[in-house]
Amino acid sequence: MARPIWTGAVTFGLVSVPVAMYSATREHEVSFHQYEKGTTDRIRYQRVNERTGKEVDYGDIAKGTDVGGGKLVMLEQEELDSVAPGRSKSLELHAFVDLEEIDPIFYQKSYYLAPGSEETAKTYALLRDAMAKARRAAIGTLVMRGKEYLAAIRPDGKLLVLETMYFADEVRDPAKELDGLPRAAAKPAEMKMAIQLIDSMSGRWNPKDYRDGYTDRVNALIKEKKAGKEITVADPAPGATDVTDLMAALQASVERARSGRAAARKPAAKKERAKKASPGKASAKKPATGKKTAPRKAAKKAA
């Protein structure tokens, strides 16, 4: 079993719900080390005094910030601890909101919240079920690893899921970051065709339909190179669509999407027909006698 990365209590009003937090996600990228070219010598990083060039022990390093004018303000860890929230054991809820109101750009990382103990499972279930029935997410703050986090908690089946979030001043304003935002200048026919393309590519969200193809190719590359095989170069990225060819590109995309869906439906339909054609338990049983049953029309004529 995984170990919790944080334990504490969710508090709202006068109610306290002990919980344990577990990481809900993990990344699977290939891990690389750095080596000097032409050798097997590992590259290591050291903390070096830029003036003397000598390595400095971690315990001898202080934190500081440049306040301008060539001046520095140096801070000891004890001074930082005096103003920091400290190691908190409380996740205080401030409000309950509609989950749809939260822009996904604010989300950082997902965590599972489990009951702190068997004795507190009932209180945990009460909060979970009440939030699900009210269709609300809880917004709160917690301190973890020396940093304060904004968090959203939502019910998910039998669990509560916590999403750490960025504060408002941590999300950049696109108007200030981008040189210019494009204005809508599409022709009505282009807009109509673009909507048709979206409709032809629409479907239900299923995360299992998607896989990290790049990591798969990197692992295959490592395997091929280990075996001494010739490396296959991938196709170059497509260039930007010419505005004058936009309508033709949209039309071709719609036709390709529709033909792709039709091709995907054929195996499913064939499988369904084969399933219906296969005899069931009832049809597998034969009559006790070997006599054939006369057709209904023939029976009426004989009568």
Protein backbone atom coordinates (compact mmCIF):
# COMPACT_ATOMS: atom_id res chain seq x y z
CA MET A 1 0.00 0.00 0.00
CA ALA A 2 1.15 3.53 -0.77
CA ARG A 3 2.07 5.82 2.10
CA PRO A 4 0.14 9.07 2.53
CA ILE A 5 2.01 12.22 1.59
CA TRP A 6 -0.06 14.34 3.97
CA THR A 7 -2.37 13.62 6.89
CA GLY A 8 -4.67 16.06 8.61
CA ALA A 9 -8.31 17.03 8.93
CA VAL A 10 -10.80 18.66 6.59
CA THR A 11 -12.68 21.25 8.63
CA PHE A 12 -15.92 23.03 7.74
CA GLY A 13 -17.98 24.84 10.35
CA LEU A 14 -17.47 22.93 13.59
CA VAL A 15 -17.06 19.58 11.79
CA SER A 16 -13.61 17.98 11.45
CA VAL A 17 -12.98 15.03 9.10
CA PRO A 18 -9.55 13.32 9.46
CA VAL A 19 -8.13 12.37 6.06
CA ALA A 20 -5.00 10.95 4.46
CA MET A 21 -3.79 12.24 1.08
CA TYR A 22 -2.32 10.01 -1.64
CA SER A 23 -0.96 10.94 -5.06
CA ALA A 24 -3.52 10.06 -7.74
CA THR A 25 -1.24 10.28 -10.78
CA ARG A 26 2.24 9.29 -11.90
CA GLU A 27 4.31 10.13 -14.95
CA HIS A 28 5.93 7.47 -17.12
CA GLU A 29 8.48 9.33 -19.22
CA VAL A 30 11.84 7.71 -19.93
CA SER A 31 14.51 8.66 -17.39
CA PHE A 32 17.79 9.91 -18.89
CA HIS A 33 21.16 10.71 -17.31
CA GLN A 34 23.67 13.14 -18.77
CA TYR A 35 27.08 12.01 -20.05
CA GLU A 36 30.03 13.75 -21.67
CA LYS A 37 29.96 13.10 -25.42
CA GLY A 38 32.22 10.27 -26.54
CA THR A 39 32.59 8.91 -22.99
CA THR A 40 30.61 7.04 -20.35
CA ASP A 41 31.36 9.71 -17.75
CA ARG A 42 28.31 10.95 -15.86
CA ILE A 43 27.71 14.66 -15.51
CA ARG A 44 27.11 15.75 -11.91
CA TYR A 45 25.89 19.08 -10.62
CA GLN A 46 27.57 20.81 -7.72
CA ARG A 47 26.82 23.87 -5.64
CA VAL A 48 29.75 26.15 -6.43
CA ASN A 49 30.68 29.60 -5.19
CA GLU A 50 30.74 31.64 -8.41
CA ARG A 51 33.56 33.88 -7.09
CA THR A 52 35.94 31.25 -5.66
CA GLY A 53 34.87 28.27 -7.79
CA LYS A 54 34.85 26.08 -4.68
CA GLU A 55 32.03 23.66 -3.82
CA VAL A 56 29.77 24.75 -0.93
CA ASP A 57 28.07 22.36 1.50
CA TYR A 58 24.27 22.51 1.58
CA GLY A 59 24.30 23.46 5.27
CA ASP A 60 26.36 26.55 4.47
CA ILE A 61 23.88 27.94 1.95
CA ALA A 62 21.52 30.79 2.87
CA LYS A 63 18.58 32.16 0.89
CA GLY A 64 18.49 35.69 -0.44
CA THR A 65 16.65 37.88 -2.90
CA ASP A 66 17.76 40.74 -5.12
CA VAL A 67 15.79 43.86 -4.18
CA GLY A 68 17.35 46.05 -6.87
CA GLY A 69 20.13 48.58 -6.91
CA GLY A 70 22.70 45.86 -6.32
CA LYS A 71 21.30 45.18 -2.87
CA LEU A 72 20.48 41.74 -1.45
CA VAL A 73 18.27 40.72 1.45
CA MET A 74 19.55 37.51 3.06
CA LEU A 75 17.20 35.32 5.11
CA GLU A 76 17.90 32.45 7.48
CA GLN A 77 15.54 29.44 7.63
CA GLU A 78 14.49 30.42 11.16
CA GLU A 79 13.38 33.82 9.84
CA LEU A 80 11.35 32.19 7.07
CA ASP A 81 9.74 29.83 9.57
CA SER A 82 8.67 32.78 11.73
CA VAL A 83 6.34 34.09 9.02
CA ALA A 84 5.44 30.82 7.23
CA PRO A 85 2.19 29.03 8.11
CA GLY A 86 4.24 26.11 9.42
CA ARG A 87 3.42 22.41 9.20
CA SER A 88 -0.37 22.57 9.28
CA LYS A 89 -2.62 19.62 9.98
CA SER A 90 -5.80 21.36 8.92
CA LEU A 91 -7.42 21.68 5.49
CA GLU A 92 -9.90 24.46 6.05
CA LEU A 93 -12.87 24.69 3.68
CA HIS A 94 -13.94 28.23 2.84
CA ALA A 95 -16.79 27.75 0.37
CA PHE A 96 -18.76 25.23 -1.70
CA VAL A 97 -19.06 26.07 -5.41
CA ASP A 98 -20.28 24.59 -8.68
CA LEU A 99 -17.42 22.58 -10.19
CA GLU A 100 -18.28 23.93 -13.65
CA GLU A 101 -17.44 27.45 -12.44
CA ILE A 102 -13.74 26.57 -12.00
CA ASP A 103 -11.57 27.20 -15.05
CA PRO A 104 -9.35 24.08 -15.55
CA ILE A 105 -6.32 26.36 -15.98
CA PHE A 106 -6.25 26.70 -12.19
CA TYR A 107 -5.70 22.95 -11.57
CA GLN A 108 -2.21 21.68 -10.70
CA LYS A 109 -2.19 18.06 -9.49
CA SER A 110 -4.73 15.45 -8.34
CA TYR A 111 -4.73 13.55 -5.04
CA TYR A 112 -6.97 10.94 -3.48
CA LEU A 113 -8.37 11.71 -0.03
CA ALA A 114 -9.06 8.65 2.12
CA PRO A 115 -10.58 8.47 5.61
CA GLY A 116 -7.99 9.02 8.31
CA SER A 117 -9.10 5.85 10.12
CA GLU A 118 -11.90 3.31 10.25
CA GLU A 119 -13.49 5.21 13.13
CA THR A 120 -13.82 8.37 11.00
CA ALA A 121 -15.12 6.66 7.83
CA LYS A 122 -18.74 7.58 8.66
CA THR A 123 -17.97 11.30 8.89
CA TYR A 124 -15.94 11.07 5.68
CA ALA A 125 -18.83 9.35 3.88
CA LEU A 126 -21.24 12.01 5.15
CA LEU A 127 -19.15 14.84 3.65
CA ARG A 128 -18.67 12.91 0.39
CA ASP A 129 -22.35 12.05 -0.07
CA ALA A 130 -23.59 15.49 0.98
CA MET A 131 -21.33 17.15 -1.57
CA ALA A 132 -22.45 14.72 -4.27
CA LYS A 133 -26.12 15.33 -3.50
CA ALA A 134 -25.64 19.11 -3.41
CA ARG A 135 -23.53 18.89 -6.62
CA ARG A 136 -20.86 21.11 -5.08
CA ALA A 137 -17.08 21.17 -4.82
CA ALA A 138 -15.31 22.47 -1.74
CA ILE A 139 -12.65 25.18 -1.91
CA GLY A 140 -10.07 25.23 0.86
CA THR A 141 -6.43 25.84 1.76
CA LEU A 142 -3.77 23.61 3.25
CA VAL A 143 -0.07 23.80 4.00
CA MET A 144 2.10 21.00 2.63
CA ARG A 145 5.89 20.80 2.44
CA GLY A 146 6.35 24.37 3.57
CA LYS A 147 3.94 25.88 1.04
CA GLU A 148 0.32 26.96 1.18
CA TYR A 149 -1.97 25.53 -1.50
CA LEU A 150 -5.40 26.45 -2.74
CA ALA A 151 -7.40 23.26 -3.22
CA ALA A 152 -10.67 22.03 -4.69
CA ILE A 153 -12.26 18.85 -3.29
CA ARG A 154 -14.88 16.98 -5.29
CA PRO A 155 -16.76 13.71 -4.75
CA ASP A 156 -15.88 10.91 -7.19
CA GLY A 157 -17.81 7.71 -6.54
CA LYS A 158 -16.65 6.32 -3.20
CA LEU A 159 -13.80 8.80 -2.95
CA LEU A 160 -13.05 12.44 -2.39
CA VAL A 161 -10.53 13.82 -4.88
CA LEU A 162 -8.42 16.89 -4.10
CA GLU A 163 -6.99 19.13 -6.81
CA THR A 164 -4.24 21.54 -5.82
CA MET A 165 -4.74 24.85 -7.61
CA TYR A 166 -2.93 27.99 -8.63
CA PHE A 167 -3.83 31.23 -6.89
CA ALA A 168 -5.32 33.95 -9.10
CA ASP A 169 -2.09 35.98 -9.27
CA GLU A 170 -0.19 32.88 -10.46
CA VAL A 171 -2.25 32.57 -13.66
CA ARG A 172 -0.88 34.81 -16.40
CA ASP A 173 -3.10 37.27 -18.25
CA PRO A 174 -3.04 36.26 -21.95
CA ALA A 175 -3.63 39.85 -23.01
CA LYS A 176 -0.31 40.80 -21.37
CA GLU A 177 1.63 37.69 -22.43
CA LEU A 178 0.62 37.43 -26.11
CA ASP A 179 1.47 39.95 -28.81
CA GLY A 180 -2.00 39.84 -30.30
CA LEU A 181 -5.11 37.72 -30.05
CA PRO A 182 -6.69 36.71 -33.39
CA ARG A 183 -10.09 38.09 -34.26
CA ALA A 184 -12.81 35.99 -35.88
CA ALA A 185 -12.58 36.53 -39.63
CA ALA A 186 -13.87 33.24 -41.00
CA LYS A 187 -16.29 33.18 -43.88
CA PRO A 188 -19.76 31.69 -43.20
CA ALA A 189 -19.02 28.70 -45.46
CA GLU A 190 -15.73 28.04 -43.66
CA MET A 191 -17.43 28.29 -40.28
CA LYS A 192 -20.16 25.86 -41.39
CA MET A 193 -17.57 23.36 -42.66
CA ALA A 194 -15.48 23.70 -39.48
CA ILE A 195 -18.55 22.89 -37.36
CA GLN A 196 -19.24 19.87 -39.58
CA LEU A 197 -15.66 18.70 -38.98
CA ILE A 198 -16.10 19.07 -35.23
CA ASP A 199 -19.38 17.14 -35.37
CA SER A 200 -17.84 14.36 -37.46
CA MET A 201 -14.99 14.00 -34.92
CA SER A 202 -17.18 14.22 -31.81
CA GLY A 203 -17.50 11.31 -29.41
CA ARG A 204 -17.54 10.27 -25.76
CA TRP A 205 -14.48 10.82 -23.58
CA ASN A 206 -12.68 7.59 -22.79
CA PRO A 207 -9.14 8.04 -21.36
CA LYS A 208 -8.19 4.48 -22.36
CA ASP A 209 -8.49 5.50 -26.02
CA TYR A 210 -5.30 7.55 -25.67
CA ARG A 211 -1.71 6.46 -25.08
CA ASP A 212 1.64 8.23 -24.81
CA GLY A 213 2.89 7.34 -28.28
CA TYR A 214 6.04 9.43 -27.97
CA THR A 215 7.28 7.51 -24.92
CA ASP A 216 6.51 4.25 -26.75
CA ARG A 217 8.63 5.42 -29.69
CA VAL A 218 11.49 6.49 -27.39
CA ASN A 219 11.47 3.04 -25.73
CA ALA A 220 11.40 1.40 -29.17
CA LEU A 221 14.32 3.62 -30.24
CA ILE A 222 16.36 2.54 -27.20
CA LYS A 223 15.54 -1.12 -27.91
CA GLU A 224 16.51 -0.83 -31.60
CA LYS A 225 19.76 0.95 -30.84
CA LYS A 226 20.63 -1.62 -28.16
CA ALA A 227 20.13 -4.36 -30.76
CA GLY A 228 22.26 -2.48 -33.29
CA LYS A 229 19.39 -1.96 -35.72
CA GLU A 230 19.08 0.92 -38.17
CA ILE A 231 17.06 3.83 -36.77
CA THR A 232 13.85 4.72 -38.63
CA VAL A 233 13.40 8.48 -38.93
CA ALA A 234 9.87 9.74 -38.22
CA ASP A 235 7.91 11.83 -40.72
CA PRO A 236 8.36 15.61 -40.39
CA ALA A 237 5.63 17.72 -38.79
CA PRO A 238 3.01 19.08 -41.24
CA GLY A 239 3.25 22.69 -42.28
CA ALA A 240 0.61 25.33 -41.66
CA THR A 241 -2.50 25.22 -43.87
CA ASP A 242 -2.54 27.93 -46.52
CA VAL A 243 -5.50 30.26 -45.99
CA THR A 244 -6.38 29.99 -49.68
CA ASP A 245 -6.68 26.20 -49.33
CA LEU A 246 -8.58 26.31 -46.03
CA MET A 247 -11.98 25.35 -47.46
CA ALA A 248 -10.54 22.42 -49.40
CA ALA A 249 -8.63 21.23 -46.33
CA LEU A 250 -11.79 21.39 -44.20
CA GLN A 251 -13.81 19.48 -46.80
CA ALA A 252 -11.14 16.77 -47.09
CA SER A 253 -10.92 16.51 -43.30
CA VAL A 254 -14.68 16.04 -42.96
CA GLU A 255 -14.69 13.28 -45.60
CA ARG A 256 -11.71 11.52 -43.98
CA ALA A 257 -13.30 11.69 -40.52
CA ARG A 258 -16.58 10.28 -41.82
CA SER A 259 -14.89 7.46 -43.76
CA GLY A 260 -12.79 6.64 -40.69
CA ARG A 261 -15.89 6.33 -38.56
CA ALA A 262 -17.62 4.17 -41.15
CA ALA A 263 -14.60 1.85 -41.28
CA ALA A 264 -14.56 1.64 -37.49
CA ARG A 265 -18.25 0.72 -37.40
CA LYS A 266 -17.90 -2.21 -39.86
CA PRO A 267 -15.97 -4.57 -37.51
CA ALA A 268 -18.38 -3.75 -34.67
CA ALA A 269 -21.42 -4.43 -36.88
CA LYS A 270 -19.88 -7.67 -38.17
CA LYS A 271 -19.21 -8.80 -34.62
CA GLU A 272 -22.78 -7.96 -33.60
CA ARG A 273 -24.24 -9.94 -36.55
CA ALA A 274 -22.06 -12.93 -35.71
CA LYS A 275 -23.23 -12.75 -32.11
CA LYS A 276 -26.90 -12.77 -33.17
CA ALA A 277 -26.34 -15.61 -35.64
CA SER A 278 -24.67 -17.90 -33.10
CA PRO A 279 -27.17 -20.37 -31.55
CA GLY A 280 -28.16 -19.76 -27.97
CA LYS A 281 -28.88 -22.31 -25.28
CA ALA A 282 -32.56 -22.56 -26.19
CA SER A 283 -31.99 -23.11 -29.94
CA ALA A 284 -29.25 -25.66 -29.26
CA LYS A 285 -31.78 -28.12 -27.86
CA LYS A 286 -33.27 -30.53 -30.44
CA PRO A 287 -36.76 -32.03 -30.25
CA ALA A 288 -36.96 -35.42 -28.54
CA THR A 289 -38.36 -37.04 -31.71
CA GLY A 290 -36.75 -36.90 -35.12
CA LYS A 291 -39.99 -35.80 -36.82
CA LYS A 292 -39.97 -32.55 -38.77
CA THR A 293 -42.52 -29.91 -37.95
CA ALA A 294 -44.78 -29.09 -40.90
CA PRO A 295 -44.97 -25.47 -42.02
CA ARG A 296 -48.01 -23.47 -40.89
CA LYS A 297 -49.33 -22.96 -44.42
CA ALA A 298 -49.21 -26.66 -45.14
CA ALA A 299 -51.03 -27.40 -41.90
CA LYS A 300 -53.86 -25.01 -42.78
CA LYS A 301 -54.27 -26.60 -46.23
CA ALA A 302 -54.54 -30.08 -44.70
CA ALA A 303 -57.20 -28.82 -42.31
